[in-house]
Amino acid sequence: MILHTKRLMLEPLGTKHYETTYRYSTDPENSRMMCFLPCDDGNEVMRYLKKCELQWNQDLPEYLDAAIINDGVHIGAVSIEFLENGTVGELGWIINKSQWGKGYAAEAAQCFVQYITEYLGVMKYIAHCDAENYPSVRVMEKLGMKRKSIHGGRKNRNSDEDRMEYLYEMTISKVNDL
């Protein structure tokens, strides 16, 4: 799978992306509002990337992660976890902080949603974010997602603080709606 947008290329995330993934996934500032990041060390990053490669080879993957490439440089990732027997996709993304504010997350996520919808038939998507993660809120809204709820109980990995979390959702009625 290789996907292209106007500015980006998406390809399966894997061990060849180790160094750049390590940079953004171990940086506390880059991942401060994430539930599962920052990674503790390079071993954790490598284990995850190996799992990503295995998922791309499954007939029915649990999740898929795509590397976001801009001008030949890996700048982040977009992901989907398959829920409810593969009928719902939970979206996620991360962009290296040096590339924030350029619209790359929304562009990559839109492309990935189109691919997942066309090739795997997923029509319902959800996404969560820390209620103070305004850039992720903007990405979800650019995708056409609507806020469904706000609730407490979110624990970001680098904080013991109980946080508020938004849930966004969208249902695509037909592939042509993308």
C-alpha atoms as a PDB file:
ATOM      1  CA  MET A   1       0.000   0.000   0.000  1.00  0.00           C
ATOM      2  CA  ILE A   2       1.364   3.361  -1.064  1.00  0.00           C
ATOM      3  CA  LEU A   3      -1.018   6.322  -1.000  1.00  0.00           C
ATOM      4  CA  HIS A   4      -0.489   9.854  -2.260  1.00  0.00           C
ATOM      5  CA  THR A   5      -2.055  13.204  -1.466  1.00  0.00           C
ATOM      6  CA  LYS A   6      -1.075  16.574  -2.926  1.00  0.00           C
ATOM      7  CA  ARG A   7       1.847  16.904  -0.506  1.00  0.00           C
ATOM      8  CA  LEU A   8       2.262  13.563   1.224  1.00  0.00           C
ATOM      9  CA  MET A   9       2.899   9.890   0.724  1.00  0.00           C
ATOM     10  CA  LEU A  10       1.595   7.211   3.095  1.00  0.00           C
ATOM     11  CA  GLU A  11       3.236   3.805   3.370  1.00  0.00           C
ATOM     12  CA  PRO A  12       3.086   0.988   5.935  1.00  0.00           C
ATOM     13  CA  LEU A  13       4.848   2.020   9.146  1.00  0.00           C
ATOM     14  CA  GLY A  14       7.665  -0.338  10.051  1.00  0.00           C
ATOM     15  CA  THR A  15      11.204  -0.824  11.279  1.00  0.00           C
ATOM     16  CA  LYS A  16      12.689   1.243   8.456  1.00  0.00           C
ATOM     17  CA  HIS A  17      11.067   4.256  10.172  1.00  0.00           C
ATOM     18  CA  TYR A  18      12.780   3.558  13.501  1.00  0.00           C
ATOM     19  CA  GLU A  19      14.945   6.675  13.864  1.00  0.00           C
ATOM     20  CA  THR A  20      12.242   9.180  12.973  1.00  0.00           C
ATOM     21  CA  THR A  21       9.578   7.336  14.980  1.00  0.00           C
ATOM     22  CA  TYR A  22      11.961   7.271  17.940  1.00  0.00           C
ATOM     23  CA  ARG A  23      12.395  11.062  17.735  1.00  0.00           C
ATOM     24  CA  TYR A  24       8.713  11.930  17.932  1.00  0.00           C
ATOM     25  CA  SER A  25       7.469   9.041  20.067  1.00  0.00           C
ATOM     26  CA  THR A  26       9.977   9.479  22.911  1.00  0.00           C
ATOM     27  CA  ASP A  27       9.706  13.271  23.054  1.00  0.00           C
ATOM     28  CA  PRO A  28       7.512  14.243  26.045  1.00  0.00           C
ATOM     29  CA  GLU A  29       6.513  17.563  24.451  1.00  0.00           C
ATOM     30  CA  ASN A  30       5.584  15.912  21.149  1.00  0.00           C
ATOM     31  CA  SER A  31       3.376  13.354  22.891  1.00  0.00           C
ATOM     32  CA  ARG A  32       2.205  15.127  26.041  1.00  0.00           C
ATOM     33  CA  MET A  33      -1.497  14.645  25.298  1.00  0.00           C
ATOM     34  CA  MET A  34      -1.247  11.007  24.198  1.00  0.00           C
ATOM     35  CA  CYS A  35      -2.495   7.989  26.168  1.00  0.00           C
ATOM     36  CA  PHE A  36       0.233   5.565  25.075  1.00  0.00           C
ATOM     37  CA  LEU A  37       3.200   7.881  24.530  1.00  0.00           C
ATOM     38  CA  PRO A  38       5.919   8.886  25.125  1.00  0.00           C
ATOM     39  CA  CYS A  39       7.737   5.592  24.653  1.00  0.00           C
ATOM     40  CA  ASP A  40      10.213   4.754  27.393  1.00  0.00           C
ATOM     41  CA  ASP A  41      13.101   3.740  25.160  1.00  0.00           C
ATOM     42  CA  GLY A  42      14.226   2.526  21.766  1.00  0.00           C
ATOM     43  CA  ASN A  43      13.318  -1.084  22.550  1.00  0.00           C
ATOM     44  CA  GLU A  44       9.675  -0.134  23.041  1.00  0.00           C
ATOM     45  CA  VAL A  45       9.697   1.775  19.744  1.00  0.00           C
ATOM     46  CA  MET A  46      11.242  -1.163  17.862  1.00  0.00           C
ATOM     47  CA  ARG A  47       8.784  -3.686  19.367  1.00  0.00           C
ATOM     48  CA  TYR A  48       5.885  -1.509  18.246  1.00  0.00           C
ATOM     49  CA  LEU A  49       7.243  -1.065  14.718  1.00  0.00           C
ATOM     50  CA  LYS A  50       7.714  -4.840  14.369  1.00  0.00           C
ATOM     51  CA  LYS A  51       4.096  -5.354  15.476  1.00  0.00           C
ATOM     52  CA  CYS A  52       3.010  -2.797  12.875  1.00  0.00           C
ATOM     53  CA  GLU A  53       4.771  -4.740  10.127  1.00  0.00           C
ATOM     54  CA  LEU A  54       3.067  -7.957  11.230  1.00  0.00           C
ATOM     55  CA  GLN A  55      -0.356  -6.290  11.173  1.00  0.00           C
ATOM     56  CA  TRP A  56       0.078  -5.185   7.554  1.00  0.00           C
ATOM     57  CA  ASN A  57       0.540  -8.874   6.646  1.00  0.00           C
ATOM     58  CA  GLN A  58      -2.646 -10.079   8.345  1.00  0.00           C
ATOM     59  CA  ASP A  59      -5.844 -10.869   6.440  1.00  0.00           C
ATOM     60  CA  LEU A  60      -7.825  -9.315   9.297  1.00  0.00           C
ATOM     61  CA  PRO A  61      -5.536  -6.852  11.067  1.00  0.00           C
ATOM     62  CA  GLU A  62      -6.346  -5.460  14.508  1.00  0.00           C
ATOM     63  CA  TYR A  63      -4.875  -2.108  13.515  1.00  0.00           C
ATOM     64  CA  LEU A  64      -2.864  -0.476  10.755  1.00  0.00           C
ATOM     65  CA  ASP A  65      -0.338   2.344  11.008  1.00  0.00           C
ATOM     66  CA  ALA A  66       0.867   4.327   8.007  1.00  0.00           C
ATOM     67  CA  ALA A  67       4.007   6.455   7.945  1.00  0.00           C
ATOM     68  CA  ILE A  68       3.421  10.001   6.725  1.00  0.00           C
ATOM     69  CA  ILE A  69       6.180  11.042   4.327  1.00  0.00           C
ATOM     70  CA  ASN A  70       6.733  14.637   3.193  1.00  0.00           C
ATOM     71  CA  ASP A  71       9.426  15.327   0.587  1.00  0.00           C
ATOM     72  CA  GLY A  72      11.032  11.975   1.348  1.00  0.00           C
ATOM     73  CA  VAL A  73      11.111  12.536   5.129  1.00  0.00           C
ATOM     74  CA  HIS A  74       9.040  10.533   7.616  1.00  0.00           C
ATOM     75  CA  ILE A  75       7.186  13.183   9.692  1.00  0.00           C
ATOM     76  CA  GLY A  76       4.546  11.190  11.555  1.00  0.00           C
ATOM     77  CA  ALA A  77       1.941   8.468  11.385  1.00  0.00           C
ATOM     78  CA  VAL A  78      -1.766   7.923  10.983  1.00  0.00           C
ATOM     79  CA  SER A  79      -3.420   4.845  12.440  1.00  0.00           C
ATOM     80  CA  ILE A  80      -6.647   2.936  12.629  1.00  0.00           C
ATOM     81  CA  GLU A  81      -7.691   0.336  15.168  1.00  0.00           C
ATOM     82  CA  PHE A  82     -10.515  -1.922  14.036  1.00  0.00           C
ATOM     83  CA  LEU A  83     -13.342  -2.239  16.562  1.00  0.00           C
ATOM     84  CA  GLU A  84     -16.694  -4.050  16.650  1.00  0.00           C
ATOM     85  CA  ASN A  85     -15.617  -6.891  14.348  1.00  0.00           C
ATOM     86  CA  GLY A  86     -13.956  -4.493  11.934  1.00  0.00           C
ATOM     87  CA  THR A  87     -17.026  -2.335  11.330  1.00  0.00           C
ATOM     88  CA  VAL A  88     -15.706   0.705  13.219  1.00  0.00           C
ATOM     89  CA  GLY A  89     -12.330   2.328  12.832  1.00  0.00           C
ATOM     90  CA  GLU A  90     -10.724   4.331  15.619  1.00  0.00           C
ATOM     91  CA  LEU A  91      -8.401   6.908  14.083  1.00  0.00           C
ATOM     92  CA  GLY A  92      -5.232   8.367  15.524  1.00  0.00           C
ATOM     93  CA  TRP A  93      -2.288  10.448  14.345  1.00  0.00           C
ATOM     94  CA  ILE A  94       0.970  11.950  15.452  1.00  0.00           C
ATOM     95  CA  ILE A  95       3.134  14.509  13.695  1.00  0.00           C
ATOM     96  CA  ASN A  96       6.690  15.460  14.593  1.00  0.00           C
ATOM     97  CA  LYS A  97       6.449  18.793  16.428  1.00  0.00           C
ATOM     98  CA  SER A  98       8.738  20.431  13.840  1.00  0.00           C
ATOM     99  CA  GLN A  99       5.884  19.928  11.334  1.00  0.00           C
ATOM    100  CA  TRP A 100       2.913  21.007  13.474  1.00  0.00           C
ATOM    101  CA  GLY A 101       0.416  23.504  12.121  1.00  0.00           C
ATOM    102  CA  LYS A 102       0.795  22.663   8.428  1.00  0.00           C
ATOM    103  CA  GLY A 103      -2.347  20.534   7.987  1.00  0.00           C
ATOM    104  CA  TYR A 104      -0.460  17.278   7.479  1.00  0.00           C
ATOM    105  CA  ALA A 105      -2.445  15.248  10.031  1.00  0.00           C
ATOM    106  CA  ALA A 106      -5.809  16.092   8.463  1.00  0.00           C
ATOM    107  CA  GLU A 107      -4.514  15.512   4.933  1.00  0.00           C
ATOM    108  CA  ALA A 108      -3.039  12.130   5.845  1.00  0.00           C
ATOM    109  CA  ALA A 109      -6.062  11.054   7.892  1.00  0.00           C
ATOM    110  CA  GLN A 110      -8.480  11.947   5.071  1.00  0.00           C
ATOM    111  CA  CYS A 111      -6.431   9.889   2.623  1.00  0.00           C
ATOM    112  CA  PHE A 112      -6.235   6.952   5.033  1.00  0.00           C
ATOM    113  CA  VAL A 113      -9.991   7.047   5.736  1.00  0.00           C
ATOM    114  CA  GLN A 114     -10.682   6.957   2.003  1.00  0.00           C
ATOM    115  CA  TYR A 115      -8.370   3.961   1.576  1.00  0.00           C
ATOM    116  CA  ILE A 116      -9.825   2.052   4.546  1.00  0.00           C
ATOM    117  CA  THR A 117     -13.385   2.773   3.412  1.00  0.00           C
ATOM    118  CA  GLU A 118     -12.786   1.724  -0.187  1.00  0.00           C
ATOM    119  CA  TYR A 119     -10.691  -1.379   0.477  1.00  0.00           C
ATOM    120  CA  LEU A 120     -11.946  -2.642   3.821  1.00  0.00           C
ATOM    121  CA  GLY A 121     -15.508  -1.313   3.818  1.00  0.00           C
ATOM    122  CA  VAL A 122     -15.325   0.542   7.135  1.00  0.00           C
ATOM    123  CA  MET A 123     -18.016   3.226   7.161  1.00  0.00           C
ATOM    124  CA  LYS A 124     -18.007   4.381  10.788  1.00  0.00           C
ATOM    125  CA  TYR A 125     -15.055   6.155  12.380  1.00  0.00           C
ATOM    126  CA  ILE A 126     -14.348   7.453  15.850  1.00  0.00           C
ATOM    127  CA  ALA A 127     -11.472   9.360  17.405  1.00  0.00           C
ATOM    128  CA  HIS A 128     -10.595  10.457  20.938  1.00  0.00           C
ATOM    129  CA  CYS A 129      -8.415  13.270  22.161  1.00  0.00           C
ATOM    130  CA  ASP A 130      -7.510  15.142  25.289  1.00  0.00           C
ATOM    131  CA  ALA A 131     -10.045  17.961  25.626  1.00  0.00           C
ATOM    132  CA  GLU A 132      -7.194  20.481  25.558  1.00  0.00           C
ATOM    133  CA  ASN A 133      -5.677  19.091  22.361  1.00  0.00           C
ATOM    134  CA  TYR A 134      -7.109  21.775  20.086  1.00  0.00           C
ATOM    135  CA  PRO A 135      -5.051  20.775  17.023  1.00  0.00           C
ATOM    136  CA  SER A 136      -6.520  17.242  17.149  1.00  0.00           C
ATOM    137  CA  VAL A 137     -10.007  18.688  17.575  1.00  0.00           C
ATOM    138  CA  ARG A 138      -9.407  20.690  14.377  1.00  0.00           C
ATOM    139  CA  VAL A 139      -8.240  17.553  12.548  1.00  0.00           C
ATOM    140  CA  MET A 140     -11.381  15.670  13.559  1.00  0.00           C
ATOM    141  CA  GLU A 141     -13.615  18.533  12.483  1.00  0.00           C
ATOM    142  CA  LYS A 142     -11.777  18.871   9.136  1.00  0.00           C
ATOM    143  CA  LEU A 143     -12.510  15.176   8.577  1.00  0.00           C
ATOM    144  CA  GLY A 144     -16.210  15.880   9.088  1.00  0.00           C
ATOM    145  CA  MET A 145     -16.394  14.220  12.487  1.00  0.00           C
ATOM    146  CA  LYS A 146     -18.838  15.513  15.098  1.00  0.00           C
ATOM    147  CA  ARG A 147     -18.309  15.640  18.846  1.00  0.00           C
ATOM    148  CA  LYS A 148     -20.408  12.971  20.548  1.00  0.00           C
ATOM    149  CA  SER A 149     -19.280  13.260  24.154  1.00  0.00           C
ATOM    150  CA  ILE A 150     -16.911  14.667  26.709  1.00  0.00           C
ATOM    151  CA  HIS A 151     -16.025  12.716  29.822  1.00  0.00           C
ATOM    152  CA  GLY A 152     -13.367  12.405  32.491  1.00  0.00           C
ATOM    153  CA  GLY A 153     -11.112   9.498  33.245  1.00  0.00           C
ATOM    154  CA  ARG A 154      -8.498  10.032  30.553  1.00  0.00           C
ATOM    155  CA  LYS A 155      -4.959   9.205  31.664  1.00  0.00           C
ATOM    156  CA  ASN A 156      -2.165  10.461  29.467  1.00  0.00           C
ATOM    157  CA  ARG A 157       0.956   8.353  29.828  1.00  0.00           C
ATOM    158  CA  ASN A 158       3.230  11.151  31.015  1.00  0.00           C
ATOM    159  CA  SER A 159       0.792  12.447  33.641  1.00  0.00           C
ATOM    160  CA  ASP A 160      -1.112  11.089  36.627  1.00  0.00           C
ATOM    161  CA  GLU A 161      -3.709  13.817  36.187  1.00  0.00           C
ATOM    162  CA  ASP A 162      -7.297  12.787  35.470  1.00  0.00           C
ATOM    163  CA  ARG A 163      -8.075  14.518  32.169  1.00  0.00           C
ATOM    164  CA  MET A 164     -11.185  15.256  30.152  1.00  0.00           C
ATOM    165  CA  GLU A 165     -11.541  13.516  26.789  1.00  0.00           C
ATOM    166  CA  TYR A 166     -13.586  14.207  23.661  1.00  0.00           C
ATOM    167  CA  LEU A 167     -15.115  11.481  21.529  1.00  0.00           C
ATOM    168  CA  TYR A 168     -15.740  12.368  17.890  1.00  0.00           C
ATOM    169  CA  GLU A 169     -17.567  10.235  15.337  1.00  0.00           C
ATOM    170  CA  MET A 170     -18.593  10.106  11.693  1.00  0.00           C
ATOM    171  CA  THR A 171     -20.497   7.674   9.533  1.00  0.00           C
ATOM    172  CA  ILE A 172     -19.966   7.622   5.811  1.00  0.00           C
ATOM    173  CA  SER A 173     -23.126   6.766   3.907  1.00  0.00           C
ATOM    174  CA  LYS A 174     -21.326   5.874   0.664  1.00  0.00           C
ATOM    175  CA  VAL A 175     -17.764   5.839  -0.600  1.00  0.00           C
ATOM    176  CA  ASN A 176     -18.485   8.771  -2.911  1.00  0.00           C
ATOM    177  CA  ASP A 177     -19.090  10.979   0.161  1.00  0.00           C
ATOM    178  CA  LEU A 178     -15.345  11.113   0.757  1.00  0.00           C
END
